C-alpha cells in the first residue's frame, strides 16, 4: 500500500509497504479521503517545532471498513469517520511521564491518515450517516471543538460573548452561539474576514482598534461581554484582549486545537476575577457534532472545497509555502481511491 511521509522539513516521500493484516480488537479501514490544512503546511515547513519526523500527515480522514468482522456496528463497507484525537497509550510497564500529552493528535504527534489503509479499534472511529457528506464529515472535529468551547462557556440565552479570531473555528463558534440564542461579537484585524463572517450570519463584527472596548460596550449596553473566546489559530491579536472585553467575573476560553503555545499575561484576568479555560480537543463531542450537522443546526455551506488525487499532494505543499498562504475557509481534500 502507499503511505506518504514527511521525513524532514520540506521533504515528502511516498513509500510502498505491505497492507496491514487485521489484529485482534482492530479493524482494517480503507482511507477514501483525507483533509490537509494549514497546520499540515506548517508541519511540512518545520514551523511547528515540536514535530518529530518522519511523520505521516493528515489529521482528518474518512474511510470504509475493509475487513470482514462480526461487529454489528462496523460491518464491511461501513463508511466511518476516523478519530484524530486519541488517548495516548499507556502500556503500564514504565513509570508514567507526566510531561507527556495524554491525548495524541494523529498527523501531529502520531502518524496521520495520508495512506491507503490503517488498523483501528472500534472506539477510534464513528459510523457516518448517509446524510453526512464526506466534506461535512471532514469538518466534524472542528464543529466538535467549537461545541466544546460553547459548552465550556455555559453562556445564558441573551448574553454576549466576544470571539477573537475570525477564522473557520471562530465562525463556527459564533454560529453555535447563535444556535443557542447567545449573541457573539466577533473581533478581528482583517476586514475581509469580518465581512465574510457577517455574510455567514454573524451580526456583530468589530475591527480591532483602540476603540474596540467602547464598541463592545455599545453592543452590550455598557456591561462588556459576559465571556470571551480567543482562537489561537485565527488571530494575530494580543490574547489579553479577551480579558479586556470581558466583564468582571466572566469566563474566557482559550481555543487551541493545534496546541501551539503563545505568551499570555494573566494580570488583567486576576484583577477582574475572570475564570480561564483551555480547549484543545473535541472532549467527546464528535457524535453531538454529527447530530448538529444532520439536523442542519449548523450550516457548513459557506466552506469551499477542492478535491485532488493523492498523487498530487506534493504539489499542494509546493503551492502553499506557508500556513498563511492557504485560502480562507477552503478545504483541501485528497482522494485515495
C-alpha atoms as a PDB file:
ATOM      1  CA  UNK A   1       0.000   0.000   0.000  1.00  0.00           C
ATOM      2  CA  UNK A   2       1.023   3.642  -0.409  1.00  0.00           C
ATOM      3  CA  UNK A   3       1.973   5.809   2.544  1.00  0.00           C
ATOM      4  CA  UNK A   4       3.182   9.404   2.401  1.00  0.00           C
ATOM      5  CA  UNK A   5       5.668  10.662   4.987  1.00  0.00           C
ATOM      6  CA  UNK A   6       7.250  13.981   5.844  1.00  0.00           C
ATOM      7  CA  UNK A   7      10.791  12.802   6.571  1.00  0.00           C
ATOM      8  CA  UNK A   8      12.258  16.221   7.379  1.00  0.00           C
ATOM      9  CA  UNK A   9      11.277  19.856   6.849  1.00  0.00           C
ATOM     10  CA  UNK A  10      10.487  20.397   3.131  1.00  0.00           C
ATOM     11  CA  UNK A  11      10.854  16.686   2.348  1.00  0.00           C
ATOM     12  CA  UNK A  12       7.922  14.419   1.397  1.00  0.00           C
ATOM     13  CA  UNK A  13       8.282  10.809   0.299  1.00  0.00           C
ATOM     14  CA  UNK A  14       5.946   8.044  -0.818  1.00  0.00           C
ATOM     15  CA  UNK A  15       6.629   4.505   0.357  1.00  0.00           C
ATOM     16  CA  UNK A  16       5.156   1.177  -0.720  1.00  0.00           C
ATOM     17  CA  UNK A  17       4.656  -1.055   2.315  1.00  0.00           C
ATOM     18  CA  UNK A  18       2.586  -4.227   2.925  1.00  0.00           C
ATOM     19  CA  UNK A  19      -1.119  -3.841   3.635  1.00  0.00           C
ATOM     20  CA  UNK A  20      -1.586  -4.300   7.404  1.00  0.00           C
ATOM     21  CA  UNK A  21      -3.143  -7.579   8.474  1.00  0.00           C
ATOM     22  CA  UNK A  22      -6.144  -7.364  10.829  1.00  0.00           C
ATOM     23  CA  UNK A  23      -5.300  -7.760  14.514  1.00  0.00           C
ATOM     24  CA  UNK A  24      -7.438  -8.809  17.432  1.00  0.00           C
ATOM     25  CA  UNK A  25      -9.523  -5.838  18.517  1.00  0.00           C
ATOM     26  CA  UNK A  26      -8.669  -3.805  15.411  1.00  0.00           C
ATOM     27  CA  UNK A  27     -10.307  -3.439  12.000  1.00  0.00           C
ATOM     28  CA  UNK A  28      -8.678  -2.591   8.697  1.00  0.00           C
ATOM     29  CA  UNK A  29     -10.021   0.642   7.215  1.00  0.00           C
ATOM     30  CA  UNK A  30      -9.517   1.810   3.639  1.00  0.00           C
ATOM     31  CA  UNK A  31      -8.892   5.558   3.646  1.00  0.00           C
ATOM     32  CA  UNK A  32     -11.040   7.185   0.963  1.00  0.00           C
ATOM     33  CA  UNK A  33     -10.470  10.897   1.575  1.00  0.00           C
ATOM     34  CA  UNK A  34      -8.083  12.890   3.735  1.00  0.00           C
ATOM     35  CA  UNK A  35      -8.004  16.594   4.547  1.00  0.00           C
ATOM     36  CA  UNK A  36      -4.838  18.683   4.576  1.00  0.00           C
ATOM     37  CA  UNK A  37      -4.790  22.128   6.160  1.00  0.00           C
ATOM     38  CA  UNK A  38      -2.536  25.000   7.035  1.00  0.00           C
ATOM     39  CA  UNK A  39      -1.334  23.042  10.057  1.00  0.00           C
ATOM     40  CA  UNK A  40      -0.021  20.306   7.731  1.00  0.00           C
ATOM     41  CA  UNK A  41       1.771  23.035   5.756  1.00  0.00           C
ATOM     42  CA  UNK A  42       3.401  24.291   8.967  1.00  0.00           C
ATOM     43  CA  UNK A  43       4.492  20.755   9.852  1.00  0.00           C
ATOM     44  CA  UNK A  44       5.930  20.262   6.363  1.00  0.00           C
ATOM     45  CA  UNK A  45       7.817  23.562   6.545  1.00  0.00           C
ATOM     46  CA  UNK A  46       9.128  22.892  10.048  1.00  0.00           C
ATOM     47  CA  UNK A  47       7.294  25.872  11.536  1.00  0.00           C
ATOM     48  CA  UNK A  48       5.856  23.669  14.295  1.00  0.00           C
ATOM     49  CA  UNK A  49       8.992  22.927  16.278  1.00  0.00           C
ATOM     50  CA  UNK A  50       7.546  20.123  18.388  1.00  0.00           C
ATOM     51  CA  UNK A  51       7.059  17.818  15.377  1.00  0.00           C
ATOM     52  CA  UNK A  52       9.063  14.598  15.321  1.00  0.00           C
ATOM     53  CA  UNK A  53       9.966  13.235  11.879  1.00  0.00           C
ATOM     54  CA  UNK A  54       9.240  11.042   9.998  1.00  0.00           C
ATOM     55  CA  UNK A  55       5.501  11.702  10.215  1.00  0.00           C
ATOM     56  CA  UNK A  56       2.515  10.672   8.111  1.00  0.00           C
ATOM     57  CA  UNK A  57       0.466  13.893   7.664  1.00  0.00           C
ATOM     58  CA  UNK A  58      -3.304  14.266   7.588  1.00  0.00           C
ATOM     59  CA  UNK A  59      -5.301  14.783  10.801  1.00  0.00           C
ATOM     60  CA  UNK A  60      -8.767  14.193   9.380  1.00  0.00           C
ATOM     61  CA  UNK A  61      -9.985  11.339   7.188  1.00  0.00           C
ATOM     62  CA  UNK A  62     -12.983   9.243   6.228  1.00  0.00           C
ATOM     63  CA  UNK A  63     -12.817   5.629   5.113  1.00  0.00           C
ATOM     64  CA  UNK A  64     -14.580   2.309   4.712  1.00  0.00           C
ATOM     65  CA  UNK A  65     -14.279  -0.863   6.774  1.00  0.00           C
ATOM     66  CA  UNK A  66     -12.205  -3.178   4.589  1.00  0.00           C
ATOM     67  CA  UNK A  67     -12.104  -6.368   6.656  1.00  0.00           C
ATOM     68  CA  UNK A  68     -14.782  -8.942   7.360  1.00  0.00           C
ATOM     69  CA  UNK A  69     -15.761  -8.955  11.024  1.00  0.00           C
ATOM     70  CA  UNK A  70     -18.569  -9.885  13.382  1.00  0.00           C
ATOM     71  CA  UNK A  71     -19.180  -6.339  14.590  1.00  0.00           C
ATOM     72  CA  UNK A  72     -22.799  -5.282  14.266  1.00  0.00           C
ATOM     73  CA  UNK A  73     -21.779  -1.612  14.248  1.00  0.00           C
ATOM     74  CA  UNK A  74     -18.944  -1.853  11.714  1.00  0.00           C
ATOM     75  CA  UNK A  75     -19.742  -4.454   9.017  1.00  0.00           C
ATOM     76  CA  UNK A  76     -17.516  -4.474   5.952  1.00  0.00           C
ATOM     77  CA  UNK A  77     -18.186  -1.474   3.724  1.00  0.00           C
ATOM     78  CA  UNK A  78     -19.355   0.828   6.551  1.00  0.00           C
ATOM     79  CA  UNK A  79     -18.333   4.446   5.968  1.00  0.00           C
ATOM     80  CA  UNK A  80     -16.579   5.832   9.039  1.00  0.00           C
ATOM     81  CA  UNK A  81     -15.013   8.971  10.437  1.00  0.00           C
ATOM     82  CA  UNK A  82     -11.543   8.291  11.840  1.00  0.00           C
ATOM     83  CA  UNK A  83     -10.875   9.975  15.171  1.00  0.00           C
ATOM     84  CA  UNK A  84      -7.985  12.429  15.043  1.00  0.00           C
ATOM     85  CA  UNK A  85      -7.688  12.913  18.824  1.00  0.00           C
ATOM     86  CA  UNK A  86      -6.974   9.715  20.742  1.00  0.00           C
ATOM     87  CA  UNK A  87      -5.971   8.798  24.261  1.00  0.00           C
ATOM     88  CA  UNK A  88      -2.228   8.164  24.383  1.00  0.00           C
ATOM     89  CA  UNK A  89      -1.473   4.534  25.028  1.00  0.00           C
ATOM     90  CA  UNK A  90      -0.037   3.668  28.448  1.00  0.00           C
ATOM     91  CA  UNK A  91       1.468   0.195  28.479  1.00  0.00           C
ATOM     92  CA  UNK A  92       1.757   0.299  32.261  1.00  0.00           C
ATOM     93  CA  UNK A  93       5.240  -1.206  32.293  1.00  0.00           C
ATOM     94  CA  UNK A  94       7.176   2.017  32.871  1.00  0.00           C
ATOM     95  CA  UNK A  95       6.920   4.963  35.224  1.00  0.00           C
ATOM     96  CA  UNK A  96       4.430   7.465  33.826  1.00  0.00           C
ATOM     97  CA  UNK A  97       5.956  10.595  32.289  1.00  0.00           C
ATOM     98  CA  UNK A  98       3.647  13.387  33.441  1.00  0.00           C
ATOM     99  CA  UNK A  99       5.260  15.835  30.994  1.00  0.00           C
ATOM    100  CA  UNK A 100       3.821  13.939  28.019  1.00  0.00           C
ATOM    101  CA  UNK A 101       0.421  14.669  26.495  1.00  0.00           C
ATOM    102  CA  UNK A 102      -2.366  12.294  27.429  1.00  0.00           C
ATOM    103  CA  UNK A 103      -4.104  12.937  24.092  1.00  0.00           C
ATOM    104  CA  UNK A 104      -2.350  12.228  20.794  1.00  0.00           C
ATOM    105  CA  UNK A 105      -3.238  14.135  17.632  1.00  0.00           C
ATOM    106  CA  UNK A 106      -2.858  11.985  14.551  1.00  0.00           C
ATOM    107  CA  UNK A 107      -0.937  13.841  11.887  1.00  0.00           C
ATOM    108  CA  UNK A 108       0.804  15.928  14.550  1.00  0.00           C
ATOM    109  CA  UNK A 109       2.080  13.850  17.451  1.00  0.00           C
ATOM    110  CA  UNK A 110       1.425  10.463  15.822  1.00  0.00           C
ATOM    111  CA  UNK A 111       1.205   9.262  12.215  1.00  0.00           C
ATOM    112  CA  UNK A 112      -1.847  10.591  10.387  1.00  0.00           C
ATOM    113  CA  UNK A 113      -4.090   9.279   7.631  1.00  0.00           C
ATOM    114  CA  UNK A 114      -2.355  10.012   4.323  1.00  0.00           C
ATOM    115  CA  UNK A 115      -2.061   6.318   3.491  1.00  0.00           C
ATOM    116  CA  UNK A 116      -4.189   3.637   1.868  1.00  0.00           C
ATOM    117  CA  UNK A 117      -5.073   1.593   4.962  1.00  0.00           C
ATOM    118  CA  UNK A 118      -4.995   1.860   8.751  1.00  0.00           C
ATOM    119  CA  UNK A 119      -5.736  -0.565  11.560  1.00  0.00           C
ATOM    120  CA  UNK A 120      -8.158   0.998  14.022  1.00  0.00           C
ATOM    121  CA  UNK A 121     -10.055  -0.033  17.126  1.00  0.00           C
ATOM    122  CA  UNK A 122     -13.863   0.363  17.077  1.00  0.00           C
ATOM    123  CA  UNK A 123     -13.694   3.137  19.692  1.00  0.00           C
ATOM    124  CA  UNK A 124     -11.351   5.127  17.438  1.00  0.00           C
ATOM    125  CA  UNK A 125     -13.921   5.690  14.689  1.00  0.00           C
ATOM    126  CA  UNK A 126     -17.583   6.619  14.284  1.00  0.00           C
ATOM    127  CA  UNK A 127     -20.009   5.320  11.625  1.00  0.00           C
ATOM    128  CA  UNK A 128     -21.341   8.071   9.371  1.00  0.00           C
ATOM    129  CA  UNK A 129     -24.988   8.531   8.373  1.00  0.00           C
ATOM    130  CA  UNK A 130     -25.652   8.657   4.630  1.00  0.00           C
ATOM    131  CA  UNK A 131     -26.948  12.217   5.079  1.00  0.00           C
ATOM    132  CA  UNK A 132     -23.472  13.454   6.104  1.00  0.00           C
ATOM    133  CA  UNK A 133     -21.286  14.046   3.060  1.00  0.00           C
ATOM    134  CA  UNK A 134     -17.555  13.353   3.079  1.00  0.00           C
ATOM    135  CA  UNK A 135     -16.933  17.113   3.039  1.00  0.00           C
ATOM    136  CA  UNK A 136     -19.070  17.685   6.121  1.00  0.00           C
ATOM    137  CA  UNK A 137     -17.633  14.610   7.835  1.00  0.00           C
ATOM    138  CA  UNK A 138     -14.124  16.037   7.491  1.00  0.00           C
ATOM    139  CA  UNK A 139     -15.304  19.104   9.415  1.00  0.00           C
ATOM    140  CA  UNK A 140     -16.847  17.137  12.290  1.00  0.00           C
ATOM    141  CA  UNK A 141     -13.783  17.570  14.511  1.00  0.00           C
ATOM    142  CA  UNK A 142     -13.843  21.349  14.021  1.00  0.00           C
ATOM    143  CA  UNK A 143     -17.561  21.508  14.811  1.00  0.00           C
ATOM    144  CA  UNK A 144     -16.985  19.296  17.864  1.00  0.00           C
ATOM    145  CA  UNK A 145     -14.215  21.544  19.186  1.00  0.00           C
ATOM    146  CA  UNK A 146     -16.406  24.602  18.643  1.00  0.00           C
ATOM    147  CA  UNK A 147     -19.195  22.828  20.538  1.00  0.00           C
ATOM    148  CA  UNK A 148     -16.786  22.015  23.385  1.00  0.00           C
ATOM    149  CA  UNK A 149     -15.863  25.718  23.560  1.00  0.00           C
ATOM    150  CA  UNK A 150     -19.514  26.804  23.709  1.00  0.00           C
ATOM    151  CA  UNK A 151     -20.323  24.180  26.350  1.00  0.00           C
ATOM    152  CA  UNK A 152     -17.376  25.293  28.486  1.00  0.00           C
ATOM    153  CA  UNK A 153     -18.653  28.878  28.445  1.00  0.00           C
ATOM    154  CA  UNK A 154     -22.124  27.849  29.593  1.00  0.00           C
ATOM    155  CA  UNK A 155     -23.448  31.144  28.245  1.00  0.00           C
ATOM    156  CA  UNK A 156     -27.053  32.002  29.047  1.00  0.00           C
ATOM    157  CA  UNK A 157     -29.699  32.889  26.469  1.00  0.00           C
ATOM    158  CA  UNK A 158     -29.464  36.573  25.556  1.00  0.00           C
ATOM    159  CA  UNK A 159     -25.894  37.021  26.816  1.00  0.00           C
ATOM    160  CA  UNK A 160     -22.986  38.410  24.765  1.00  0.00           C
ATOM    161  CA  UNK A 161     -19.776  36.508  24.061  1.00  0.00           C
ATOM    162  CA  UNK A 162     -16.754  38.112  22.398  1.00  0.00           C
ATOM    163  CA  UNK A 163     -14.996  35.825  19.907  1.00  0.00           C
ATOM    164  CA  UNK A 164     -11.495  36.937  18.958  1.00  0.00           C
ATOM    165  CA  UNK A 165     -10.263  35.470  15.692  1.00  0.00           C
ATOM    166  CA  UNK A 166     -12.402  35.277  12.550  1.00  0.00           C
ATOM    167  CA  UNK A 167     -11.004  32.091  11.041  1.00  0.00           C
ATOM    168  CA  UNK A 168     -13.074  28.950  10.373  1.00  0.00           C
ATOM    169  CA  UNK A 169     -13.081  27.984  14.062  1.00  0.00           C
ATOM    170  CA  UNK A 170     -14.108  31.490  15.120  1.00  0.00           C
ATOM    171  CA  UNK A 171     -17.045  31.489  12.700  1.00  0.00           C
ATOM    172  CA  UNK A 172     -18.138  28.008  13.816  1.00  0.00           C
ATOM    173  CA  UNK A 173     -18.093  29.117  17.463  1.00  0.00           C
ATOM    174  CA  UNK A 174     -20.203  32.159  16.534  1.00  0.00           C
ATOM    175  CA  UNK A 175     -22.746  30.063  14.616  1.00  0.00           C
ATOM    176  CA  UNK A 176     -23.128  27.637  17.524  1.00  0.00           C
ATOM    177  CA  UNK A 177     -23.576  30.532  19.956  1.00  0.00           C
ATOM    178  CA  UNK A 178     -26.301  31.937  17.709  1.00  0.00           C
ATOM    179  CA  UNK A 179     -27.954  28.488  17.633  1.00  0.00           C
ATOM    180  CA  UNK A 180     -28.085  28.633  21.446  1.00  0.00           C
ATOM    181  CA  UNK A 181     -29.577  32.160  21.282  1.00  0.00           C
ATOM    182  CA  UNK A 182     -26.396  33.828  22.511  1.00  0.00           C
ATOM    183  CA  UNK A 183     -25.079  36.951  20.749  1.00  0.00           C
ATOM    184  CA  UNK A 184     -21.462  36.602  19.565  1.00  0.00           C
ATOM    185  CA  UNK A 185     -19.326  39.704  18.992  1.00  0.00           C
ATOM    186  CA  UNK A 186     -16.622  38.715  16.505  1.00  0.00           C
ATOM    187  CA  UNK A 187     -13.389  40.739  16.631  1.00  0.00           C
ATOM    188  CA  UNK A 188     -10.581  40.546  14.096  1.00  0.00           C
ATOM    189  CA  UNK A 189      -7.955  42.722  12.403  1.00  0.00           C
ATOM    190  CA  UNK A 190      -8.908  41.538   8.895  1.00  0.00           C
ATOM    191  CA  UNK A 191     -11.840  43.492   7.435  1.00  0.00           C
ATOM    192  CA  UNK A 192     -12.408  40.947   4.650  1.00  0.00           C
ATOM    193  CA  UNK A 193     -12.763  38.099   7.132  1.00  0.00           C
ATOM    194  CA  UNK A 194     -15.204  40.114   9.206  1.00  0.00           C
ATOM    195  CA  UNK A 195     -17.252  40.888   6.094  1.00  0.00           C
ATOM    196  CA  UNK A 196     -17.272  37.180   5.201  1.00  0.00           C
ATOM    197  CA  UNK A 197     -18.401  36.242   8.718  1.00  0.00           C
ATOM    198  CA  UNK A 198     -21.173  38.851   8.548  1.00  0.00           C
ATOM    199  CA  UNK A 199     -22.437  37.227   5.336  1.00  0.00           C
ATOM    200  CA  UNK A 200     -22.432  33.883   7.183  1.00  0.00           C
ATOM    201  CA  UNK A 201     -24.903  35.282   9.709  1.00  0.00           C
ATOM    202  CA  UNK A 202     -22.659  36.788  12.398  1.00  0.00           C
ATOM    203  CA  UNK A 203     -24.380  40.115  13.071  1.00  0.00           C
ATOM    204  CA  UNK A 204     -21.877  41.855  15.378  1.00  0.00           C
ATOM    205  CA  UNK A 205     -18.431  42.075  13.740  1.00  0.00           C
ATOM    206  CA  UNK A 206     -15.897  44.581  15.078  1.00  0.00           C
ATOM    207  CA  UNK A 207     -12.475  45.534  13.724  1.00  0.00           C
ATOM    208  CA  UNK A 208      -9.753  45.577  16.334  1.00  0.00           C
ATOM    209  CA  UNK A 209      -8.754  49.142  17.129  1.00  0.00           C
ATOM    210  CA  UNK A 210      -8.137  51.478  20.036  1.00  0.00           C
ATOM    211  CA  UNK A 211     -11.912  51.981  20.241  1.00  0.00           C
ATOM    212  CA  UNK A 212     -12.820  48.272  20.366  1.00  0.00           C
ATOM    213  CA  UNK A 213     -13.603  48.401  24.088  1.00  0.00           C
ATOM    214  CA  UNK A 214     -16.118  51.214  23.600  1.00  0.00           C
ATOM    215  CA  UNK A 215     -17.652  49.388  20.639  1.00  0.00           C
ATOM    216  CA  UNK A 216     -18.103  46.193  22.660  1.00  0.00           C
ATOM    217  CA  UNK A 217     -19.682  48.251  25.448  1.00  0.00           C
ATOM    218  CA  UNK A 218     -22.062  49.827  22.914  1.00  0.00           C
ATOM    219  CA  UNK A 219     -23.181  46.361  21.755  1.00  0.00           C
ATOM    220  CA  UNK A 220     -23.650  45.008  25.284  1.00  0.00           C
ATOM    221  CA  UNK A 221     -25.362  48.040  26.761  1.00  0.00           C
ATOM    222  CA  UNK A 222     -22.284  49.075  28.715  1.00  0.00           C
ATOM    223  CA  UNK A 223     -21.780  45.775  30.533  1.00  0.00           C
ATOM    224  CA  UNK A 224     -18.945  44.447  28.352  1.00  0.00           C
ATOM    225  CA  UNK A 225     -19.089  40.795  27.230  1.00  0.00           C
ATOM    226  CA  UNK A 226     -20.266  38.098  29.611  1.00  0.00           C
ATOM    227  CA  UNK A 227     -17.399  35.948  28.372  1.00  0.00           C
ATOM    228  CA  UNK A 228     -14.898  35.615  25.543  1.00  0.00           C
ATOM    229  CA  UNK A 229     -13.183  33.083  23.320  1.00  0.00           C
ATOM    230  CA  UNK A 230      -9.666  33.519  21.976  1.00  0.00           C
ATOM    231  CA  UNK A 231      -8.985  31.427  18.857  1.00  0.00           C
ATOM    232  CA  UNK A 232      -5.230  30.913  18.831  1.00  0.00           C
ATOM    233  CA  UNK A 233      -5.178  29.633  15.239  1.00  0.00           C
ATOM    234  CA  UNK A 234      -7.221  32.516  13.872  1.00  0.00           C
ATOM    235  CA  UNK A 235      -5.904  35.685  15.425  1.00  0.00           C
ATOM    236  CA  UNK A 236      -2.757  37.770  15.423  1.00  0.00           C
ATOM    237  CA  UNK A 237      -4.268  39.975  18.112  1.00  0.00           C
ATOM    238  CA  UNK A 238      -2.981  40.185  21.672  1.00  0.00           C
ATOM    239  CA  UNK A 239      -4.743  37.359  23.568  1.00  0.00           C
ATOM    240  CA  UNK A 240      -5.190  39.638  26.595  1.00  0.00           C
ATOM    241  CA  UNK A 241      -7.866  41.393  24.515  1.00  0.00           C
ATOM    242  CA  UNK A 242     -10.152  38.556  25.636  1.00  0.00           C
ATOM    243  CA  UNK A 243      -9.722  39.685  29.251  1.00  0.00           C
ATOM    244  CA  UNK A 244     -10.107  43.348  28.338  1.00  0.00           C
ATOM    245  CA  UNK A 245     -13.534  42.953  26.695  1.00  0.00           C
ATOM    246  CA  UNK A 246     -14.901  40.566  29.353  1.00  0.00           C
ATOM    247  CA  UNK A 247     -16.841  41.837  32.337  1.00  0.00           C
ATOM    248  CA  UNK A 248     -15.594  41.184  35.860  1.00  0.00           C
ATOM    249  CA  UNK A 249     -16.265  37.613  36.951  1.00  0.00           C
ATOM    250  CA  UNK A 250     -16.767  36.366  33.378  1.00  0.00           C
ATOM    251  CA  UNK A 251     -15.310  33.318  31.659  1.00  0.00           C
ATOM    252  CA  UNK A 252     -12.663  33.171  28.929  1.00  0.00           C
ATOM    253  CA  UNK A 253     -11.913  30.094  26.839  1.00  0.00           C
ATOM    254  CA  UNK A 254      -8.608  29.742  25.011  1.00  0.00           C
ATOM    255  CA  UNK A 255      -9.224  27.522  21.973  1.00  0.00           C
ATOM    256  CA  UNK A 256      -6.002  25.992  20.600  1.00  0.00           C
ATOM    257  CA  UNK A 257      -6.689  22.815  18.569  1.00  0.00           C
ATOM    258  CA  UNK A 258      -3.118  22.703  17.255  1.00  0.00           C
ATOM    259  CA  UNK A 259      -1.708  23.247  20.779  1.00  0.00           C
ATOM    260  CA  UNK A 260       0.759  25.869  19.674  1.00  0.00           C
ATOM    261  CA  UNK A 261       1.674  27.996  22.652  1.00  0.00           C
ATOM    262  CA  UNK A 262       1.895  31.766  22.981  1.00  0.00           C
ATOM    263  CA  UNK A 263       2.754  34.223  25.771  1.00  0.00           C
ATOM    264  CA  UNK A 264      -0.202  35.309  27.887  1.00  0.00           C
ATOM    265  CA  UNK A 265      -0.281  37.889  30.680  1.00  0.00           C
ATOM    266  CA  UNK A 266      -2.872  36.896  33.302  1.00  0.00           C
ATOM    267  CA  UNK A 267      -2.630  40.065  35.406  1.00  0.00           C
ATOM    268  CA  UNK A 268      -5.843  41.559  33.964  1.00  0.00           C
ATOM    269  CA  UNK A 269      -7.696  38.260  34.375  1.00  0.00           C
ATOM    270  CA  UNK A 270      -6.624  38.153  38.032  1.00  0.00           C
ATOM    271  CA  UNK A 271      -7.759  41.727  38.691  1.00  0.00           C
ATOM    272  CA  UNK A 272     -11.138  41.103  37.076  1.00  0.00           C
ATOM    273  CA  UNK A 273     -11.515  37.615  38.663  1.00  0.00           C
ATOM    274  CA  UNK A 274     -12.013  36.015  35.262  1.00  0.00           C
ATOM    275  CA  UNK A 275     -12.069  32.219  35.018  1.00  0.00           C
ATOM    276  CA  UNK A 276      -9.841  30.918  32.206  1.00  0.00           C
ATOM    277  CA  UNK A 277     -10.287  27.561  30.468  1.00  0.00           C
ATOM    278  CA  UNK A 278      -8.394  25.808  27.704  1.00  0.00           C
ATOM    279  CA  UNK A 279      -9.846  23.661  24.908  1.00  0.00           C
ATOM    280  CA  UNK A 280      -7.552  21.719  22.582  1.00  0.00           C
ATOM    281  CA  UNK A 281      -9.615  18.670  21.575  1.00  0.00           C
ATOM    282  CA  UNK A 282     -13.266  17.704  20.977  1.00  0.00           C
ATOM    283  CA  UNK A 283     -13.832  16.396  24.537  1.00  0.00           C
ATOM    284  CA  UNK A 284     -16.120  13.562  23.373  1.00  0.00           C
ATOM    285  CA  UNK A 285     -18.349  15.824  21.262  1.00  0.00           C
ATOM    286  CA  UNK A 286     -17.963  14.045  17.900  1.00  0.00           C
ATOM    287  CA  UNK A 287     -21.372  12.348  17.875  1.00  0.00           C
ATOM    288  CA  UNK A 288     -23.016  15.587  19.030  1.00  0.00           C
ATOM    289  CA  UNK A 289     -21.279  17.407  16.170  1.00  0.00           C
ATOM    290  CA  UNK A 290     -22.571  14.839  13.669  1.00  0.00           C
ATOM    291  CA  UNK A 291     -26.099  15.320  15.022  1.00  0.00           C
ATOM    292  CA  UNK A 292     -25.756  19.101  14.672  1.00  0.00           C
ATOM    293  CA  UNK A 293     -24.795  18.641  11.019  1.00  0.00           C
ATOM    294  CA  UNK A 294     -27.559  16.105  10.319  1.00  0.00           C
ATOM    295  CA  UNK A 295     -30.225  18.331  11.908  1.00  0.00           C
ATOM    296  CA  UNK A 296     -28.941  21.381   9.976  1.00  0.00           C
ATOM    297  CA  UNK A 297     -28.444  23.190  13.286  1.00  0.00           C
ATOM    298  CA  UNK A 298     -25.197  24.432  11.781  1.00  0.00           C
ATOM    299  CA  UNK A 299     -24.832  25.221   8.091  1.00  0.00           C
ATOM    300  CA  UNK A 300     -21.429  24.432   6.572  1.00  0.00           C
ATOM    301  CA  UNK A 301     -22.251  25.564   3.043  1.00  0.00           C
ATOM    302  CA  UNK A 302     -20.046  28.650   3.414  1.00  0.00           C
ATOM    303  CA  UNK A 303     -16.928  26.472   3.372  1.00  0.00           C
ATOM    304  CA  UNK A 304     -15.457  25.889  -0.086  1.00  0.00           C
ATOM    305  CA  UNK A 305     -13.602  22.726  -1.070  1.00  0.00           C
ATOM    306  CA  UNK A 306     -11.247  21.350  -3.687  1.00  0.00           C
ATOM    307  CA  UNK A 307     -10.597  17.657  -4.344  1.00  0.00           C
ATOM    308  CA  UNK A 308      -7.331  16.335  -5.760  1.00  0.00           C
ATOM    309  CA  UNK A 309      -5.920  12.870  -6.298  1.00  0.00           C
ATOM    310  CA  UNK A 310      -3.497  11.991  -3.528  1.00  0.00           C
ATOM    311  CA  UNK A 311      -0.680  11.650  -6.043  1.00  0.00           C
ATOM    312  CA  UNK A 312      -0.735  15.456  -6.285  1.00  0.00           C
ATOM    313  CA  UNK A 313      -0.079  16.015  -2.602  1.00  0.00           C
ATOM    314  CA  UNK A 314       3.472  17.159  -3.321  1.00  0.00           C
ATOM    315  CA  UNK A 315       2.085  19.987  -5.450  1.00  0.00           C
ATOM    316  CA  UNK A 316      -0.088  21.070  -2.513  1.00  0.00           C
ATOM    317  CA  UNK A 317       2.939  21.565  -0.278  1.00  0.00           C
ATOM    318  CA  UNK A 318       4.816  23.381  -3.052  1.00  0.00           C
ATOM    319  CA  UNK A 319       1.902  25.743  -3.688  1.00  0.00           C
ATOM    320  CA  UNK A 320       1.315  26.678  -0.070  1.00  0.00           C
ATOM    321  CA  UNK A 321       4.742  27.585   1.217  1.00  0.00           C
ATOM    322  CA  UNK A 322       3.290  28.935   4.478  1.00  0.00           C
ATOM    323  CA  UNK A 323       0.175  28.435   6.574  1.00  0.00           C
ATOM    324  CA  UNK A 324      -0.959  31.989   5.887  1.00  0.00           C
ATOM    325  CA  UNK A 325      -0.877  31.277   2.123  1.00  0.00           C
ATOM    326  CA  UNK A 326      -3.737  28.762   2.313  1.00  0.00           C
ATOM    327  CA  UNK A 327      -7.122  30.133   1.249  1.00  0.00           C
ATOM    328  CA  UNK A 328      -9.568  31.291   3.870  1.00  0.00           C
ATOM    329  CA  UNK A 329     -12.323  28.753   4.655  1.00  0.00           C
ATOM    330  CA  UNK A 330     -11.108  26.381   1.929  1.00  0.00           C
ATOM    331  CA  UNK A 331     -10.933  22.601   2.420  1.00  0.00           C
ATOM    332  CA  UNK A 332      -8.170  20.787   0.560  1.00  0.00           C
ATOM    333  CA  UNK A 333      -9.348  17.192   0.146  1.00  0.00           C
ATOM    334  CA  UNK A 334      -7.306  14.343  -1.274  1.00  0.00           C
ATOM    335  CA  UNK A 335      -8.908  11.226  -2.709  1.00  0.00           C
ATOM    336  CA  UNK A 336      -7.116   7.933  -2.107  1.00  0.00           C
ATOM    337  CA  UNK A 337      -9.360   5.860  -4.397  1.00  0.00           C
END
